N, C-alpha and C. Protein backbone atom coordinates (compact mmCIF):
# COMPACT_ATOMS: atom_id res chain seq x y z
N MET A 1 -100.35 17.07 -182.94
CA MET A 1 -99.74 15.77 -183.17
C MET A 1 -100.86 14.72 -183.17
N ASN A 2 -100.89 13.97 -184.22
CA ASN A 2 -101.89 12.91 -184.35
C ASN A 2 -101.21 11.58 -184.06
N LEU A 3 -101.42 11.06 -182.89
CA LEU A 3 -100.72 9.86 -182.44
C LEU A 3 -100.90 8.66 -183.38
N PRO A 4 -102.11 8.35 -183.83
CA PRO A 4 -102.24 7.20 -184.73
C PRO A 4 -101.43 7.36 -186.02
N ASP A 5 -101.38 8.60 -186.57
CA ASP A 5 -100.58 8.81 -187.78
C ASP A 5 -99.09 8.63 -187.51
N ASP A 6 -98.63 9.16 -186.37
CA ASP A 6 -97.22 9.01 -186.01
C ASP A 6 -96.87 7.54 -185.80
N LEU A 7 -97.75 6.84 -185.13
CA LEU A 7 -97.52 5.42 -184.89
C LEU A 7 -97.49 4.64 -186.20
N ALA A 8 -98.38 4.96 -187.10
CA ALA A 8 -98.41 4.30 -188.40
C ALA A 8 -97.12 4.59 -189.17
N GLN A 9 -96.64 5.82 -189.11
CA GLN A 9 -95.39 6.17 -189.79
C GLN A 9 -94.21 5.41 -189.19
N GLN A 10 -94.19 5.30 -187.87
CA GLN A 10 -93.11 4.56 -187.22
C GLN A 10 -93.15 3.08 -187.59
N ARG A 11 -94.34 2.52 -187.64
CA ARG A 11 -94.49 1.12 -188.02
C ARG A 11 -94.03 0.90 -189.45
N THR A 12 -94.39 1.82 -190.33
CA THR A 12 -93.97 1.72 -191.73
C THR A 12 -92.45 1.82 -191.84
N ALA A 13 -91.86 2.73 -191.12
CA ALA A 13 -90.40 2.90 -191.15
C ALA A 13 -89.71 1.65 -190.62
N LEU A 14 -90.24 1.08 -189.54
CA LEU A 14 -89.64 -0.14 -188.98
C LEU A 14 -89.77 -1.30 -189.96
N ALA A 15 -90.94 -1.46 -190.54
CA ALA A 15 -91.14 -2.55 -191.50
C ALA A 15 -90.21 -2.41 -192.70
N THR A 16 -90.04 -1.19 -193.18
CA THR A 16 -89.14 -0.94 -194.31
C THR A 16 -87.70 -1.26 -193.93
N ALA A 17 -87.29 -0.86 -192.74
CA ALA A 17 -85.92 -1.13 -192.29
C ALA A 17 -85.68 -2.64 -192.16
N LEU A 18 -86.66 -3.37 -191.63
CA LEU A 18 -86.51 -4.82 -191.47
C LEU A 18 -86.45 -5.52 -192.82
N LEU A 19 -87.24 -5.07 -193.78
CA LEU A 19 -87.19 -5.66 -195.12
C LEU A 19 -85.84 -5.38 -195.79
N THR A 20 -85.33 -4.18 -195.61
CA THR A 20 -84.02 -3.83 -196.15
C THR A 20 -82.94 -4.71 -195.53
N LEU A 21 -83.01 -4.89 -194.22
CA LEU A 21 -82.04 -5.75 -193.53
C LEU A 21 -82.12 -7.17 -194.06
N GLN A 22 -83.32 -7.67 -194.23
CA GLN A 22 -83.50 -9.03 -194.74
C GLN A 22 -82.86 -9.18 -196.12
N GLU A 23 -83.07 -8.21 -196.99
CA GLU A 23 -82.47 -8.26 -198.32
C GLU A 23 -80.95 -8.26 -198.25
N GLN A 24 -80.40 -7.46 -197.35
CA GLN A 24 -78.95 -7.35 -197.24
C GLN A 24 -78.30 -8.59 -196.64
N MET A 25 -79.07 -9.39 -195.92
CA MET A 25 -78.54 -10.60 -195.30
C MET A 25 -78.55 -11.80 -196.25
N VAL A 26 -79.31 -11.74 -197.32
CA VAL A 26 -79.45 -12.88 -198.23
C VAL A 26 -78.10 -13.40 -198.73
N PRO A 27 -77.17 -12.55 -199.17
CA PRO A 27 -75.88 -13.11 -199.63
C PRO A 27 -75.12 -13.88 -198.56
N ILE A 28 -75.24 -13.44 -197.31
CA ILE A 28 -74.55 -14.13 -196.22
C ILE A 28 -75.19 -15.51 -196.00
N TYR A 29 -76.52 -15.54 -195.99
CA TYR A 29 -77.21 -16.83 -195.83
C TYR A 29 -76.90 -17.77 -197.00
N ASP A 30 -76.88 -17.21 -198.21
CA ASP A 30 -76.57 -18.04 -199.39
C ASP A 30 -75.16 -18.60 -199.32
N ALA A 31 -74.22 -17.79 -198.86
CA ALA A 31 -72.84 -18.26 -198.73
C ALA A 31 -72.74 -19.40 -197.72
N ALA A 32 -73.45 -19.27 -196.61
CA ALA A 32 -73.43 -20.34 -195.59
C ALA A 32 -74.06 -21.62 -196.15
N ASP A 33 -75.16 -21.48 -196.88
CA ASP A 33 -75.78 -22.66 -197.51
C ASP A 33 -74.83 -23.32 -198.50
N GLY A 34 -74.15 -22.49 -199.29
CA GLY A 34 -73.18 -23.03 -200.25
C GLY A 34 -72.01 -23.71 -199.57
N MET A 35 -71.56 -23.13 -198.47
CA MET A 35 -70.45 -23.73 -197.72
C MET A 35 -70.86 -25.10 -197.19
N ARG A 36 -72.05 -25.17 -196.62
CA ARG A 36 -72.55 -26.45 -196.09
C ARG A 36 -72.64 -27.50 -197.20
N ALA A 37 -73.20 -27.12 -198.34
CA ALA A 37 -73.34 -28.05 -199.45
C ALA A 37 -71.97 -28.50 -199.97
N ASP A 38 -71.03 -27.56 -200.05
CA ASP A 38 -69.69 -27.89 -200.52
C ASP A 38 -69.00 -28.85 -199.57
N LEU A 39 -69.10 -28.60 -198.29
CA LEU A 39 -68.47 -29.50 -197.32
C LEU A 39 -69.07 -30.90 -197.39
N GLN A 40 -70.40 -30.97 -197.54
CA GLN A 40 -71.03 -32.29 -197.66
C GLN A 40 -70.57 -33.00 -198.93
N SER A 41 -70.41 -32.25 -200.02
CA SER A 41 -69.96 -32.87 -201.27
C SER A 41 -68.52 -33.35 -201.16
N ARG A 42 -67.78 -32.82 -200.22
CA ARG A 42 -66.39 -33.24 -199.99
C ARG A 42 -66.30 -34.38 -198.98
N GLY A 43 -67.46 -34.88 -198.56
CA GLY A 43 -67.46 -36.04 -197.68
C GLY A 43 -67.71 -35.75 -196.21
N TRP A 44 -67.93 -34.50 -195.87
CA TRP A 44 -68.24 -34.19 -194.48
C TRP A 44 -69.62 -34.74 -194.16
N SER A 45 -69.82 -35.14 -192.92
CA SER A 45 -71.15 -35.57 -192.51
C SER A 45 -72.08 -34.35 -192.52
N PRO A 46 -73.37 -34.58 -192.73
CA PRO A 46 -74.30 -33.45 -192.72
C PRO A 46 -74.25 -32.64 -191.42
N ALA A 47 -74.12 -33.31 -190.29
CA ALA A 47 -74.07 -32.60 -189.01
C ALA A 47 -72.80 -31.75 -188.89
N SER A 48 -71.67 -32.29 -189.32
CA SER A 48 -70.42 -31.54 -189.24
C SER A 48 -70.43 -30.35 -190.20
N ALA A 49 -70.94 -30.57 -191.41
CA ALA A 49 -71.03 -29.49 -192.39
C ALA A 49 -71.95 -28.38 -191.89
N GLU A 50 -73.06 -28.78 -191.29
CA GLU A 50 -74.02 -27.81 -190.75
C GLU A 50 -73.38 -27.01 -189.62
N GLN A 51 -72.65 -27.67 -188.74
CA GLN A 51 -72.01 -26.98 -187.62
C GLN A 51 -70.96 -26.00 -188.11
N ALA A 52 -70.15 -26.41 -189.06
CA ALA A 52 -69.11 -25.52 -189.60
C ALA A 52 -69.75 -24.31 -190.29
N ALA A 53 -70.79 -24.55 -191.08
CA ALA A 53 -71.46 -23.45 -191.77
C ALA A 53 -72.14 -22.52 -190.78
N LEU A 54 -72.73 -23.07 -189.73
CA LEU A 54 -73.39 -22.26 -188.72
C LEU A 54 -72.38 -21.40 -187.97
N THR A 55 -71.24 -21.97 -187.65
CA THR A 55 -70.19 -21.20 -186.98
C THR A 55 -69.74 -20.04 -187.85
N TRP A 56 -69.53 -20.32 -189.14
CA TRP A 56 -69.14 -19.26 -190.08
C TRP A 56 -70.23 -18.21 -190.19
N LEU A 57 -71.49 -18.65 -190.29
CA LEU A 57 -72.61 -17.72 -190.42
C LEU A 57 -72.69 -16.79 -189.21
N CYS A 58 -72.57 -17.34 -188.03
CA CYS A 58 -72.61 -16.52 -186.81
C CYS A 58 -71.49 -15.49 -186.80
N ALA A 59 -70.29 -15.91 -187.19
CA ALA A 59 -69.15 -14.99 -187.23
C ALA A 59 -69.37 -13.91 -188.29
N ALA A 60 -69.89 -14.29 -189.45
CA ALA A 60 -70.13 -13.32 -190.51
C ALA A 60 -71.18 -12.29 -190.09
N ILE A 61 -72.24 -12.75 -189.45
CA ILE A 61 -73.27 -11.81 -188.98
C ILE A 61 -72.70 -10.91 -187.90
N ASN A 62 -71.91 -11.46 -187.00
CA ASN A 62 -71.28 -10.66 -185.95
C ASN A 62 -70.37 -9.59 -186.55
N MET A 63 -69.57 -9.96 -187.56
CA MET A 63 -68.69 -8.99 -188.20
C MET A 63 -69.48 -7.90 -188.92
N THR A 64 -70.64 -8.27 -189.43
CA THR A 64 -71.48 -7.30 -190.13
C THR A 64 -71.92 -6.18 -189.20
N TRP A 65 -72.15 -6.52 -187.93
CA TRP A 65 -72.66 -5.54 -186.98
C TRP A 65 -71.58 -4.86 -186.16
N GLN A 66 -70.33 -5.26 -186.33
CA GLN A 66 -69.24 -4.61 -185.58
C GLN A 66 -68.94 -3.24 -186.17
N PRO A 67 -68.66 -2.27 -185.32
CA PRO A 67 -68.29 -0.94 -185.85
C PRO A 67 -67.01 -1.02 -186.66
N GLN A 68 -66.97 -0.30 -187.73
CA GLN A 68 -65.78 -0.26 -188.59
C GLN A 68 -64.84 0.83 -188.12
N GLY A 69 -63.53 0.51 -188.17
CA GLY A 69 -62.57 1.56 -187.85
C GLY A 69 -61.76 1.28 -186.71
């Protein structure tokens, strides 16, 4: 067993998994940004729109990680 090679493989696997996760989260982030912009265009204050979008974003991310079934 060559420890440096194993460690390098683990680092590569972790980096790949994190990049994949980042790509999969983009639609959720985009939806939250769109929600915030839409609420502001409807007359919501920037702070209120941001809070509502953040609440939705947190719930969406939480649902993403909940076990299905």
